[in-house]
Amino acid sequence: MKRITYSDGSILTSNAITTALLRYITSVPGTDNSVTVDVTVLGENDETCMHTLVLSAASQFDVVDVEGVTEEEEVARFPVPEMPVVGITGIIESTGDAGRTAEDFNRITSEIENGLGQ
């Protein structure tokens, strides 16, 4: 188990979630936006609950080991969340209009590159 201290709070979560967050946070500084990540944390009365972290380029974590549940319990009780994609992502359009859209895009790009017909 790890205690993650950030901003003005702290959470207790699994080693795997902590590792995933630390890897992920290194990809956030390249963006101008913040992202939210829901993680499973150890709450009161030894119960797990969801906690939302808001991560940005300014996010800083202080991580320390704490005594807690066994590694087997961590795997069962603390699933590693799927992290949101950071930055620009591309998709492949698969509709019938995809070809016409590509042609329009290419035509407009060509016009811009050639001074709009001047």
PDB file of N, CA and C in Angstrom:
ATOM      1  N   MET A   1       0.843  -1.180   0.000  1.00  0.00           N
ATOM      2  CA  MET A   1       0.000   0.000   0.000  1.00  0.00           C
ATOM      3  C   MET A   1       0.887   1.240   0.000  1.00  0.00           C
ATOM      4  N   LYS A   2       0.330   2.283  -0.577  1.00  0.00           N
ATOM      5  CA  LYS A   2       1.037   3.561  -0.648  1.00  0.00           C
ATOM      6  C   LYS A   2       0.118   4.680  -0.173  1.00  0.00           C
ATOM      7  N   ARG A   3       0.707   5.656   0.474  1.00  0.00           N
ATOM      8  CA  ARG A   3       0.014   6.903   0.786  1.00  0.00           C
ATOM      9  C   ARG A   3       0.516   7.931  -0.206  1.00  0.00           C
ATOM     10  N   ILE A   4      -0.418   8.481  -0.972  1.00  0.00           N
ATOM     11  CA  ILE A   4      -0.080   9.520  -1.941  1.00  0.00           C
ATOM     12  C   ILE A   4      -0.588  10.843  -1.378  1.00  0.00           C
ATOM     13  N   THR A   5       0.332  11.768  -1.160  1.00  0.00           N
ATOM     14  CA  THR A   5      -0.033  13.107  -0.704  1.00  0.00           C
ATOM     15  C   THR A   5       0.104  14.041  -1.904  1.00  0.00           C
ATOM     16  N   TYR A   6      -0.908  14.861  -2.119  1.00  0.00           N
ATOM     17  CA  TYR A   6      -0.945  15.777  -3.251  1.00  0.00           C
ATOM     18  C   TYR A   6      -1.774  16.981  -2.831  1.00  0.00           C
ATOM     19  N   SER A   7      -1.548  18.091  -3.474  1.00  0.00           N
ATOM     20  CA  SER A   7      -2.273  19.333  -3.156  1.00  0.00           C
ATOM     21  C   SER A   7      -2.463  19.461  -1.654  1.00  0.00           C
ATOM     22  N   ASP A   8      -3.700  19.352  -1.197  1.00  0.00           N
ATOM     23  CA  ASP A   8      -3.956  19.499   0.234  1.00  0.00           C
ATOM     24  C   ASP A   8      -4.590  18.246   0.831  1.00  0.00           C
ATOM     25  N   GLY A   9      -4.342  17.089   0.223  1.00  0.00           N
ATOM     26  CA  GLY A   9      -4.944  15.863   0.727  1.00  0.00           C
ATOM     27  C   GLY A   9      -4.045  14.664   0.523  1.00  0.00           C
ATOM     28  N   SER A  10      -4.539  13.517   0.976  1.00  0.00           N
ATOM     29  CA  SER A  10      -3.803  12.279   0.761  1.00  0.00           C
ATOM     30  C   SER A  10      -4.788  11.124   0.642  1.00  0.00           C
ATOM     31  N   ILE A  11      -4.326  10.066  -0.027  1.00  0.00           N
ATOM     32  CA  ILE A  11      -5.132   8.861  -0.199  1.00  0.00           C
ATOM     33  C   ILE A  11      -4.260   7.646   0.070  1.00  0.00           C
ATOM     34  N   LEU A  12      -4.893   6.539   0.411  1.00  0.00           N
ATOM     35  CA  LEU A  12      -4.228   5.248   0.519  1.00  0.00           C
ATOM     36  C   LEU A  12      -4.723   4.385  -0.625  1.00  0.00           C
ATOM     37  N   THR A  13      -3.791   3.838  -1.397  1.00  0.00           N
ATOM     38  CA  THR A  13      -4.179   2.996  -2.526  1.00  0.00           C
ATOM     39  C   THR A  13      -3.117   1.930  -2.745  1.00  0.00           C
ATOM     40  N   SER A  14      -3.331   1.117  -3.740  1.00  0.00           N
ATOM     41  CA  SER A  14      -2.437  -0.021  -3.971  1.00  0.00           C
ATOM     42  C   SER A  14      -1.136   0.394  -4.642  1.00  0.00           C
ATOM     43  N   ASN A  15      -0.164  -0.501  -4.571  1.00  0.00           N
ATOM     44  CA  ASN A  15       1.111  -0.288  -5.251  1.00  0.00           C
ATOM     45  C   ASN A  15       0.895  -0.188  -6.758  1.00  0.00           C
ATOM     46  N   ALA A  16       0.029  -1.044  -7.316  1.00  0.00           N
ATOM     47  CA  ALA A  16      -0.200  -1.051  -8.763  1.00  0.00           C
ATOM     48  C   ALA A  16      -0.842   0.250  -9.240  1.00  0.00           C
ATOM     49  N   ILE A  17      -1.829   0.748  -8.506  1.00  0.00           N
ATOM     50  CA  ILE A  17      -2.469   2.017  -8.882  1.00  0.00           C
ATOM     51  C   ILE A  17      -1.466   3.157  -8.782  1.00  0.00           C
ATOM     52  N   THR A  18      -0.661   3.148  -7.732  1.00  0.00           N
ATOM     53  CA  THR A  18       0.348   4.194  -7.562  1.00  0.00           C
ATOM     54  C   THR A  18       1.338   4.182  -8.720  1.00  0.00           C
ATOM     55  N   THR A  19       1.802   3.001  -9.100  1.00  0.00           N
ATOM     56  CA  THR A  19       2.732   2.881 -10.218  1.00  0.00           C
ATOM     57  C   THR A  19       2.095   3.403 -11.502  1.00  0.00           C
ATOM     58  N   ALA A  20       0.835   3.023 -11.753  1.00  0.00           N
ATOM     59  CA  ALA A  20       0.131   3.482 -12.958  1.00  0.00           C
ATOM     60  C   ALA A  20      -0.021   5.000 -12.951  1.00  0.00           C
ATOM     61  N   LEU A  21      -0.374   5.584 -11.803  1.00  0.00           N
ATOM     62  CA  LEU A  21      -0.523   7.041 -11.711  1.00  0.00           C
ATOM     63  C   LEU A  21       0.798   7.760 -11.960  1.00  0.00           C
ATOM     64  N   LEU A  22       1.876   7.250 -11.382  1.00  0.00           N
ATOM     65  CA  LEU A  22       3.173   7.899 -11.557  1.00  0.00           C
ATOM     66  C   LEU A  22       3.647   7.814 -13.009  1.00  0.00           C
ATOM     67  N   ARG A  23       3.377   6.702 -13.671  1.00  0.00           N
ATOM     68  CA  ARG A  23       3.717   6.597 -15.090  1.00  0.00           C
ATOM     69  C   ARG A  23       2.853   7.552 -15.911  1.00  0.00           C
ATOM     70  N   TYR A  24       1.582   7.596 -15.575  1.00  0.00           N
ATOM     71  CA  TYR A  24       0.642   8.425 -16.330  1.00  0.00           C
ATOM     72  C   TYR A  24       0.932   9.909 -16.165  1.00  0.00           C
ATOM     73  N   ILE A  25       1.237  10.325 -14.950  1.00  0.00           N
ATOM     74  CA  ILE A  25       1.415  11.755 -14.670  1.00  0.00           C
ATOM     75  C   ILE A  25       2.557  12.338 -15.492  1.00  0.00           C
ATOM     76  N   THR A  26       3.500  11.510 -15.916  1.00  0.00           N
ATOM     77  CA  THR A  26       4.589  12.028 -16.749  1.00  0.00           C
ATOM     78  C   THR A  26       4.114  12.402 -18.143  1.00  0.00           C
ATOM     79  N   SER A  27       2.934  11.909 -18.568  1.00  0.00           N
ATOM     80  CA  SER A  27       2.409  12.265 -19.888  1.00  0.00           C
ATOM     81  C   SER A  27       1.530  13.508 -19.847  1.00  0.00           C
ATOM     82  N   VAL A  28       1.093  13.929 -18.680  1.00  0.00           N
ATOM     83  CA  VAL A  28       0.195  15.074 -18.558  1.00  0.00           C
ATOM     84  C   VAL A  28       0.892  16.411 -18.800  1.00  0.00           C
ATOM     85  N   PRO A  29       2.165  16.615 -18.409  1.00  0.00           N
ATOM     86  CA  PRO A  29       2.777  17.936 -18.604  1.00  0.00           C
ATOM     87  C   PRO A  29       2.802  18.427 -20.037  1.00  0.00           C
ATOM     88  N   GLY A  30       2.672  17.544 -21.019  1.00  0.00           N
ATOM     89  CA  GLY A  30       2.692  17.972 -22.405  1.00  0.00           C
ATOM     90  C   GLY A  30       1.384  18.589 -22.860  1.00  0.00           C
ATOM     91  N   THR A  31       0.406  18.699 -21.985  1.00  0.00           N
ATOM     92  CA  THR A  31      -0.884  19.258 -22.373  1.00  0.00           C
ATOM     93  C   THR A  31      -1.177  20.518 -21.580  1.00  0.00           C
ATOM     94  N   ASP A  32      -2.116  21.300 -22.094  1.00  0.00           N
ATOM     95  CA  ASP A  32      -2.534  22.518 -21.398  1.00  0.00           C
ATOM     96  C   ASP A  32      -3.749  22.278 -20.520  1.00  0.00           C
ATOM     97  N   ASN A  33      -4.323  21.087 -20.596  1.00  0.00           N
ATOM     98  CA  ASN A  33      -5.560  20.801 -19.883  1.00  0.00           C
ATOM     99  C   ASN A  33      -5.323  19.859 -18.709  1.00  0.00           C
ATOM    100  N   SER A  34      -6.250  19.869 -17.786  1.00  0.00           N
ATOM    101  CA  SER A  34      -6.217  18.893 -16.707  1.00  0.00           C
ATOM    102  C   SER A  34      -7.098  17.713 -17.096  1.00  0.00           C
ATOM    103  N   VAL A  35      -6.851  16.583 -16.463  1.00  0.00           N
ATOM    104  CA  VAL A  35      -7.648  15.385 -16.686  1.00  0.00           C
ATOM    105  C   VAL A  35      -8.059  14.828 -15.331  1.00  0.00           C
ATOM    106  N   THR A  36      -9.154  14.093 -15.315  1.00  0.00           N
ATOM    107  CA  THR A  36      -9.585  13.455 -14.074  1.00  0.00           C
ATOM    108  C   THR A  36      -9.410  11.949 -14.197  1.00  0.00           C
ATOM    109  N   VAL A  37      -9.025  11.339 -13.099  1.00  0.00           N
ATOM    110  CA  VAL A  37      -8.841   9.894 -13.025  1.00  0.00           C
ATOM    111  C   VAL A  37      -9.521   9.415 -11.751  1.00  0.00           C
ATOM    112  N   ASP A  38     -10.382   8.410 -11.887  1.00  0.00           N
ATOM    113  CA  ASP A  38     -11.033   7.809 -10.732  1.00  0.00           C
ATOM    114  C   ASP A  38     -10.217   6.609 -10.274  1.00  0.00           C
ATOM    115  N   VAL A  39      -9.813   6.607  -9.014  1.00  0.00           N
ATOM    116  CA  VAL A  39      -9.021   5.505  -8.470  1.00  0.00           C
ATOM    117  C   VAL A  39      -9.694   4.945  -7.222  1.00  0.00           C
ATOM    118  N   THR A  40      -9.456   3.665  -6.992  1.00  0.00           N
ATOM    119  CA  THR A  40      -9.965   3.015  -5.794  1.00  0.00           C
ATOM    120  C   THR A  40      -9.002   3.295  -4.652  1.00  0.00           C
ATOM    121  N   VAL A  41      -9.552   3.744  -3.527  1.00  0.00           N
ATOM    122  CA  VAL A  41      -8.739   4.074  -2.355  1.00  0.00           C
ATOM    123  C   VAL A  41      -9.282   3.341  -1.136  1.00  0.00           C
ATOM    124  N   LEU A  42      -8.460   3.262  -0.122  1.00  0.00           N
ATOM    125  CA  LEU A  42      -8.875   2.666   1.139  1.00  0.00           C
ATOM    126  C   LEU A  42      -9.491   3.760   1.989  1.00  0.00           C
ATOM    127  N   GLY A  43     -10.758   3.590   2.311  1.00  0.00           N
ATOM    128  CA  GLY A  43     -11.474   4.587   3.087  1.00  0.00           C
ATOM    129  C   GLY A  43     -11.616   4.175   4.539  1.00  0.00           C
ATOM    130  N   GLU A  44     -12.590   4.767   5.185  1.00  0.00           N
ATOM    131  CA  GLU A  44     -12.847   4.468   6.589  1.00  0.00           C
ATOM    132  C   GLU A  44     -13.326   3.031   6.750  1.00  0.00           C
ATOM    133  N   ASN A  45     -13.093   2.464   7.914  1.00  0.00           N
ATOM    134  CA  ASN A  45     -13.537   1.111   8.265  1.00  0.00           C
ATOM    135  C   ASN A  45     -12.999   0.061   7.308  1.00  0.00           C
ATOM    136  N   ASP A  46     -11.814   0.293   6.734  1.00  0.00           N
ATOM    137  CA  ASP A  46     -11.160  -0.669   5.844  1.00  0.00           C
ATOM    138  C   ASP A  46     -11.982  -0.983   4.601  1.00  0.00           C
ATOM    139  N   GLU A  47     -12.829  -0.049   4.191  1.00  0.00           N
ATOM    140  CA  GLU A  47     -13.640  -0.226   2.980  1.00  0.00           C
ATOM    141  C   GLU A  47     -13.019   0.557   1.842  1.00  0.00           C
ATOM    142  N   THR A  48     -13.199   0.039   0.624  1.00  0.00           N
ATOM    143  CA  THR A  48     -12.699   0.759  -0.542  1.00  0.00           C
ATOM    144  C   THR A  48     -13.776   1.683  -1.087  1.00  0.00           C
ATOM    145  N   CYS A  49     -13.335   2.767  -1.690  1.00  0.00           N
ATOM    146  CA  CYS A  49     -14.252   3.709  -2.323  1.00  0.00           C
ATOM    147  C   CYS A  49     -13.523   4.370  -3.484  1.00  0.00           C
ATOM    148  N   MET A  50     -14.268   5.048  -4.327  1.00  0.00           N
ATOM    149  CA  MET A  50     -13.677   5.738  -5.474  1.00  0.00           C
ATOM    150  C   MET A  50     -13.322   7.169  -5.084  1.00  0.00           C
ATOM    151  N   HIS A  51     -12.195   7.627  -5.618  1.00  0.00           N
ATOM    152  CA  HIS A  51     -11.734   8.988  -5.374  1.00  0.00           C
ATOM    153  C   HIS A  51     -11.314   9.564  -6.724  1.00  0.00           C
ATOM    154  N   THR A  52     -11.716  10.778  -7.007  1.00  0.00           N
ATOM    155  CA  THR A  52     -11.369  11.418  -8.272  1.00  0.00           C
ATOM    156  C   THR A  52     -10.184  12.351  -8.064  1.00  0.00           C
ATOM    157  N   LEU A  53      -9.137  12.106  -8.840  1.00  0.00           N
ATOM    158  CA  LEU A  53      -7.969  12.979  -8.830  1.00  0.00           C
ATOM    159  C   LEU A  53      -8.022  13.870 -10.060  1.00  0.00           C
ATOM    160  N   VAL A  54      -7.728  15.145  -9.881  1.00  0.00           N
ATOM    161  CA  VAL A  54      -7.608  16.074 -11.005  1.00  0.00           C
ATOM    162  C   VAL A  54      -6.112  16.289 -11.221  1.00  0.00           C
ATOM    163  N   LEU A  55      -5.641  15.859 -12.389  1.00  0.00           N
ATOM    164  CA  LEU A  55      -4.217  15.908 -12.685  1.00  0.00           C
ATOM    165  C   LEU A  55      -3.939  16.953 -13.744  1.00  0.00           C
ATOM    166  N   SER A  56      -2.840  17.671 -13.575  1.00  0.00           N
ATOM    167  CA  SER A  56      -2.424  18.674 -14.555  1.00  0.00           C
ATOM    168  C   SER A  56      -0.908  18.729 -14.573  1.00  0.00           C
ATOM    169  N   ALA A  57      -0.383  19.622 -15.390  1.00  0.00           N
ATOM    170  CA  ALA A  57       1.066  19.787 -15.482  1.00  0.00           C
ATOM    171  C   ALA A  57       1.667  20.197 -14.138  1.00  0.00           C
ATOM    172  N   ALA A  58       0.879  20.791 -13.265  1.00  0.00           N
ATOM    173  CA  ALA A  58       1.376  21.247 -11.964  1.00  0.00           C
ATOM    174  C   ALA A  58       1.227  20.197 -10.858  1.00  0.00           C
ATOM    175  N   SER A  59       0.679  19.028 -11.177  1.00  0.00           N
ATOM    176  CA  SER A  59       0.456  17.997 -10.163  1.00  0.00           C
ATOM    177  C   SER A  59       1.780  17.481  -9.608  1.00  0.00           C
ATOM    178  N   GLN A  60       1.816  17.338  -8.294  1.00  0.00           N
ATOM    179  CA  GLN A  60       2.984  16.788  -7.618  1.00  0.00           C
ATOM    180  C   GLN A  60       2.505  15.784  -6.582  1.00  0.00           C
ATOM    181  N   PHE A  61       3.162  14.624  -6.554  1.00  0.00           N
ATOM    182  CA  PHE A  61       2.821  13.575  -5.603  1.00  0.00           C
ATOM    183  C   PHE A  61       3.992  13.325  -4.670  1.00  0.00           C
ATOM    184  N   ASP A  62       3.677  13.060  -3.418  1.00  0.00           N
ATOM    185  CA  ASP A  62       4.643  12.551  -2.460  1.00  0.00           C
ATOM    186  C   ASP A  62       4.141  11.165  -2.093  1.00  0.00           C
ATOM    187  N   VAL A  63       4.946  10.130  -2.306  1.00  0.00           N
ATOM    188  CA  VAL A  63       4.509   8.751  -2.130  1.00  0.00           C
ATOM    189  C   VAL A  63       5.359   8.083  -1.062  1.00  0.00           C
ATOM    190  N   VAL A  64       4.692   7.428  -0.097  1.00  0.00           N
ATOM    191  CA  VAL A  64       5.391   6.666   0.936  1.00  0.00           C
ATOM    192  C   VAL A  64       4.711   5.316   1.115  1.00  0.00           C
ATOM    193  N   ASP A  65       5.514   4.318   1.485  1.00  0.00           N
ATOM    194  CA  ASP A  65       4.977   2.996   1.791  1.00  0.00           C
ATOM    195  C   ASP A  65       4.252   3.034   3.128  1.00  0.00           C
ATOM    196  N   VAL A  66       3.163   2.272   3.209  1.00  0.00           N
ATOM    197  CA  VAL A  66       2.444   2.110   4.470  1.00  0.00           C
ATOM    198  C   VAL A  66       2.064   0.643   4.619  1.00  0.00           C
ATOM    199  N   GLU A  67       1.912   0.230   5.844  1.00  0.00           N
ATOM    200  CA  GLU A  67       1.449  -1.131   6.105  1.00  0.00           C
ATOM    201  C   GLU A  67      -0.022  -1.204   5.749  1.00  0.00           C
ATOM    202  N   GLY A  68      -0.424  -2.283   5.169  1.00  0.00           N
ATOM    203  CA  GLY A  68      -1.823  -2.393   4.776  1.00  0.00           C
ATOM    204  C   GLY A  68      -2.181  -3.818   4.459  1.00  0.00           C
ATOM    205  N   VAL A  69      -2.892  -3.992   3.401  1.00  0.00           N
ATOM    206  CA  VAL A  69      -3.372  -5.305   2.999  1.00  0.00           C
ATOM    207  C   VAL A  69      -2.280  -6.062   2.241  1.00  0.00           C
ATOM    208  N   THR A  70      -2.467  -7.358   2.084  1.00  0.00           N
ATOM    209  CA  THR A  70      -1.497  -8.176   1.361  1.00  0.00           C
ATOM    210  C   THR A  70      -1.562  -7.863  -0.128  1.00  0.00           C
ATOM    211  N   GLU A  71      -0.540  -8.306  -0.851  1.00  0.00           N
ATOM    212  CA  GLU A  71      -0.501  -8.069  -2.292  1.00  0.00           C
ATOM    213  C   GLU A  71      -1.691  -8.717  -2.995  1.00  0.00           C
ATOM    214  N   GLU A  72      -2.082  -9.904  -2.547  1.00  0.00           N
ATOM    215  CA  GLU A  72      -3.233 -10.588  -3.136  1.00  0.00           C
ATOM    216  C   GLU A  72      -4.516  -9.798  -2.912  1.00  0.00           C
ATOM    217  N   GLU A  73      -4.675  -9.239  -1.714  1.00  0.00           N
ATOM    218  CA  GLU A  73      -5.848  -8.410  -1.427  1.00  0.00           C
ATOM    219  C   GLU A  73      -5.850  -7.149  -2.282  1.00  0.00           C
ATOM    220  N   GLU A  74      -4.664  -6.551  -2.481  1.00  0.00           N
ATOM    221  CA  GLU A  74      -4.566  -5.347  -3.305  1.00  0.00           C
ATOM    222  C   GLU A  74      -5.070  -5.616  -4.718  1.00  0.00           C
ATOM    223  N   VAL A  75      -4.634  -6.728  -5.290  1.00  0.00           N
ATOM    224  CA  VAL A  75      -5.038  -7.065  -6.656  1.00  0.00           C
ATOM    225  C   VAL A  75      -6.551  -7.227  -6.733  1.00  0.00           C
ATOM    226  N   ALA A  76      -7.126  -7.868  -5.736  1.00  0.00           N
ATOM    227  CA  ALA A  76      -8.569  -8.124  -5.741  1.00  0.00           C
ATOM    228  C   ALA A  76      -9.393  -6.869  -5.454  1.00  0.00           C
ATOM    229  N   ARG A  77      -8.906  -6.020  -4.561  1.00  0.00           N
ATOM    230  CA  ARG A  77      -9.709  -4.888  -4.098  1.00  0.00           C
ATOM    231  C   ARG A  77      -9.438  -3.574  -4.819  1.00  0.00           C
ATOM    232  N   PHE A  78      -8.284  -3.458  -5.481  1.00  0.00           N
ATOM    233  CA  PHE A  78      -7.881  -2.184  -6.072  1.00  0.00           C
ATOM    234  C   PHE A  78      -7.563  -2.351  -7.560  1.00  0.00           C
ATOM    235  N   PRO A  79      -8.583  -2.395  -8.404  1.00  0.00           N
ATOM    236  CA  PRO A  79      -8.314  -2.522  -9.845  1.00  0.00           C
ATOM    237  C   PRO A  79      -7.635  -1.261 -10.386  1.00  0.00           C
ATOM    238  N   VAL A  80      -6.678  -1.458 -11.265  1.00  0.00           N
ATOM    239  CA  VAL A  80      -5.977  -0.321 -11.867  1.00  0.00           C
ATOM    240  C   VAL A  80      -6.911   0.331 -12.887  1.00  0.00           C
ATOM    241  N   PRO A  81      -7.137   1.636 -12.764  1.00  0.00           N
ATOM    242  CA  PRO A  81      -8.076   2.304 -13.687  1.00  0.00           C
ATOM    243  C   PRO A  81      -7.490   2.456 -15.082  1.00  0.00           C
ATOM    244  N   GLU A  82      -8.382   2.609 -16.038  1.00  0.00           N
ATOM    245  CA  GLU A  82      -7.949   2.946 -17.394  1.00  0.00           C
ATOM    246  C   GLU A  82      -7.749   4.451 -17.426  1.00  0.00           C
ATOM    247  N   MET A  83      -6.549   4.856 -17.782  1.00  0.00           N
ATOM    248  CA  MET A  83      -6.220   6.275 -17.779  1.00  0.00           C
ATOM    249  C   MET A  83      -6.737   6.937 -19.053  1.00  0.00           C
ATOM    250  N   PRO A  84      -7.240   8.173 -18.939  1.00  0.00           N
ATOM    251  CA  PRO A  84      -7.722   8.872 -20.135  1.00  0.00           C
ATOM    252  C   PRO A  84      -6.565   9.204 -21.075  1.00  0.00           C
ATOM    253  N   VAL A  85      -6.865   9.255 -22.354  1.00  0.00           N
ATOM    254  CA  VAL A  85      -5.863   9.597 -23.358  1.00  0.00           C
ATOM    255  C   VAL A  85      -5.533  11.071 -23.226  1.00  0.00           C
ATOM    256  N   VAL A  86      -4.252  11.385 -23.261  1.00  0.00           N
ATOM    257  CA  VAL A  86      -3.796  12.761 -23.140  1.00  0.00           C
ATOM    258  C   VAL A  86      -3.327  13.239 -24.500  1.00  0.00           C
ATOM    259  N   GLY A  87      -3.734  14.441 -24.870  1.00  0.00           N
ATOM    260  CA  GLY A  87      -3.282  15.030 -26.123  1.00  0.00           C
ATOM    261  C   GLY A  87      -4.260  14.784 -27.257  1.00  0.00           C
ATOM    262  N   ILE A  88      -3.779  14.914 -28.460  1.00  0.00           N
ATOM    263  CA  ILE A  88      -4.598  14.780 -29.658  1.00  0.00           C
ATOM    264  C   ILE A  88      -4.570  13.333 -30.125  1.00  0.00           C
ATOM    265  N   THR A  89      -5.731  12.814 -30.431  1.00  0.00           N
ATOM    266  CA  THR A  89      -5.802  11.461 -30.970  1.00  0.00           C
ATOM    267  C   THR A  89      -6.493  11.498 -32.318  1.00  0.00           C
ATOM    268  N   GLY A  90      -6.090  10.621 -33.178  1.00  0.00           N
ATOM    269  CA  GLY A  90      -6.699  10.535 -34.496  1.00  0.00           C
ATOM    270  C   GLY A  90      -7.617   9.328 -34.578  1.00  0.00           C
ATOM    271  N   ILE A  91      -8.601   9.433 -35.432  1.00  0.00           N
ATOM    272  CA  ILE A  91      -9.497   8.311 -35.665  1.00  0.00           C
ATOM    273  C   ILE A  91      -9.601   8.083 -37.158  1.00  0.00           C
ATOM    274  N   ILE A  92      -9.973   6.893 -37.525  1.00  0.00           N
ATOM    275  CA  ILE A  92     -10.194   6.583 -38.929  1.00  0.00           C
ATOM    276  C   ILE A  92     -11.685   6.579 -39.165  1.00  0.00           C
ATOM    277  N   GLU A  93     -12.115   7.439 -40.047  1.00  0.00           N
ATOM    278  CA  GLU A  93     -13.529   7.550 -40.350  1.00  0.00           C
ATOM    279  C   GLU A  93     -13.926   6.376 -41.242  1.00  0.00           C
ATOM    280  N   SER A  94     -15.019   5.723 -40.906  1.00  0.00           N
ATOM    281  CA  SER A  94     -15.401   4.543 -41.668  1.00  0.00           C
ATOM    282  C   SER A  94     -16.795   4.670 -42.296  1.00  0.00           C
ATOM    283  N   THR A  95     -17.316   5.860 -42.358  1.00  0.00           N
ATOM    284  CA  THR A  95     -18.634   6.058 -42.963  1.00  0.00           C
ATOM    285  C   THR A  95     -18.489   6.217 -44.477  1.00  0.00           C
ATOM    286  N   GLY A  96     -19.610   6.213 -45.167  1.00  0.00           N
ATOM    287  CA  GLY A  96     -19.602   6.392 -46.613  1.00  0.00           C
ATOM    288  C   GLY A  96     -19.097   7.755 -47.038  1.00  0.00           C
ATOM    289  N   ASP A  97     -19.149   8.720 -46.141  1.00  0.00           N
ATOM    290  CA  ASP A  97     -18.703  10.073 -46.464  1.00  0.00           C
ATOM    291  C   ASP A  97     -17.199  10.264 -46.291  1.00  0.00           C
ATOM    292  N   ALA A  98     -16.494   9.239 -45.816  1.00  0.00           N
ATOM    293  CA  ALA A  98     -15.071   9.382 -45.506  1.00  0.00           C
ATOM    294  C   ALA A  98     -14.267   9.815 -46.727  1.00  0.00           C
ATOM    295  N   GLY A  99     -14.526   9.201 -47.880  1.00  0.00           N
ATOM    296  CA  GLY A  99     -13.791   9.555 -49.098  1.00  0.00           C
ATOM    297  C   GLY A  99     -14.022  10.988 -49.510  1.00  0.00           C
ATOM    298  N   ARG A 100     -15.289  11.420 -49.471  1.00  0.00           N
ATOM    299  CA  ARG A 100     -15.613  12.806 -49.844  1.00  0.00           C
ATOM    300  C   ARG A 100     -15.003  13.784 -48.847  1.00  0.00           C
ATOM    301  N   THR A 101     -15.007  13.436 -47.581  1.00  0.00           N
ATOM    302  CA  THR A 101     -14.410  14.303 -46.566  1.00  0.00           C
ATOM    303  C   THR A 101     -12.917  14.451 -46.821  1.00  0.00           C
ATOM    304  N   ALA A 102     -12.254  13.353 -47.145  1.00  0.00           N
ATOM    305  CA  ALA A 102     -10.817  13.398 -47.426  1.00  0.00           C
ATOM    306  C   ALA A 102     -10.543  14.254 -48.659  1.00  0.00           C
ATOM    307  N   GLU A 103     -11.357  14.102 -49.695  1.00  0.00           N
ATOM    308  CA  GLU A 103     -11.184  14.914 -50.904  1.00  0.00           C
ATOM    309  C   GLU A 103     -11.377  16.390 -50.609  1.00  0.00           C
ATOM    310  N   ASP A 104     -12.405  16.724 -49.828  1.00  0.00           N
ATOM    311  CA  ASP A 104     -12.646  18.120 -49.447  1.00  0.00           C
ATOM    312  C   ASP A 104     -11.473  18.681 -48.659  1.00  0.00           C
ATOM    313  N   PHE A 105     -10.983  17.892 -47.721  1.00  0.00           N
ATOM    314  CA  PHE A 105      -9.844  18.315 -46.904  1.00  0.00           C
ATOM    315  C   PHE A 105      -8.626  18.569 -47.786  1.00  0.00           C
ATOM    316  N   ASN A 106      -8.338  17.641 -48.691  1.00  0.00           N
ATOM    317  CA  ASN A 106      -7.184  17.787 -49.587  1.00  0.00           C
ATOM    318  C   ASN A 106      -7.333  19.006 -50.492  1.00  0.00           C
ATOM    319  N   ARG A 107      -8.544  19.259 -50.991  1.00  0.00           N
ATOM    320  CA  ARG A 107      -8.791  20.405 -51.857  1.00  0.00           C
ATOM    321  C   ARG A 107      -8.554  21.705 -51.099  1.00  0.00           C
ATOM    322  N   ILE A 108      -9.108  21.794 -49.900  1.00  0.00           N
ATOM    323  CA  ILE A 108      -8.955  23.017 -49.100  1.00  0.00           C
ATOM    324  C   ILE A 108      -7.500  23.232 -48.715  1.00  0.00           C
ATOM    325  N   THR A 109      -6.817  22.177 -48.353  1.00  0.00           N
ATOM    326  CA  THR A 109      -5.392  22.272 -48.004  1.00  0.00           C
ATOM    327  C   THR A 109      -4.604  22.769 -49.201  1.00  0.00           C
ATOM    328  N   SER A 110      -4.916  22.248 -50.363  1.00  0.00           N
ATOM    329  CA  SER A 110      -4.221  22.667 -51.582  1.00  0.00           C
ATOM    330  C   SER A 110      -4.460  24.143 -51.860  1.00  0.00           C
ATOM    331  N   GLU A 111      -5.704  24.596 -51.680  1.00  0.00           N
ATOM    332  CA  GLU A 111      -6.026  26.016 -51.900  1.00  0.00           C
ATOM    333  C   GLU A 111      -5.246  26.906 -50.937  1.00  0.00           C
ATOM    334  N   ILE A 112      -5.152  26.469 -49.700  1.00  0.00           N
ATOM    335  CA  ILE A 112      -4.408  27.270 -48.703  1.00  0.00           C
ATOM    336  C   ILE A 112      -2.936  27.325 -49.088  1.00  0.00           C
ATOM    337  N   GLU A 113      -2.381  26.186 -49.457  1.00  0.00           N
ATOM    338  CA  GLU A 113      -0.956  26.136 -49.818  1.00  0.00           C
ATOM    339  C   GLU A 113      -0.665  26.959 -51.075  1.00  0.00           C
ATOM    340  N   ASN A 114      -1.653  27.071 -51.977  1.00  0.00           N
ATOM    341  CA  ASN A 114      -1.444  27.808 -53.227  1.00  0.00           C
ATOM    342  C   ASN A 114      -2.020  29.215 -53.185  1.00  0.00           C
ATOM    343  N   GLY A 115      -2.216  29.766 -52.011  1.00  0.00           N
ATOM    344  CA  GLY A 115      -2.660  31.155 -51.875  1.00  0.00           C
ATOM    345  C   GLY A 115      -4.084  31.394 -52.271  1.00  0.00           C
ATOM    346  N   LEU A 116      -4.942  30.420 -52.098  1.00  0.00           N
ATOM    347  CA  LEU A 116      -6.359  30.539 -52.402  1.00  0.00           C
ATOM    348  C   LEU A 116      -6.604  31.029 -53.818  1.00  0.00           C
ATOM    349  N   GLY A 117      -5.835  30.511 -54.769  1.00  0.00           N
ATOM    350  CA  GLY A 117      -6.047  30.827 -56.178  1.00  0.00           C
ATOM    351  C   GLY A 117      -5.417  32.108 -56.641  1.00  0.00           C
ATOM    352  N   GLN A 118      -4.631  32.746 -55.832  1.00  0.00           N
ATOM    353  CA  GLN A 118      -4.027  34.035 -56.223  1.00  0.00           C
ATOM    354  C   GLN A 118      -2.777  33.822 -57.037  1.00  0.00           C
TER     355      GLN A 118
END
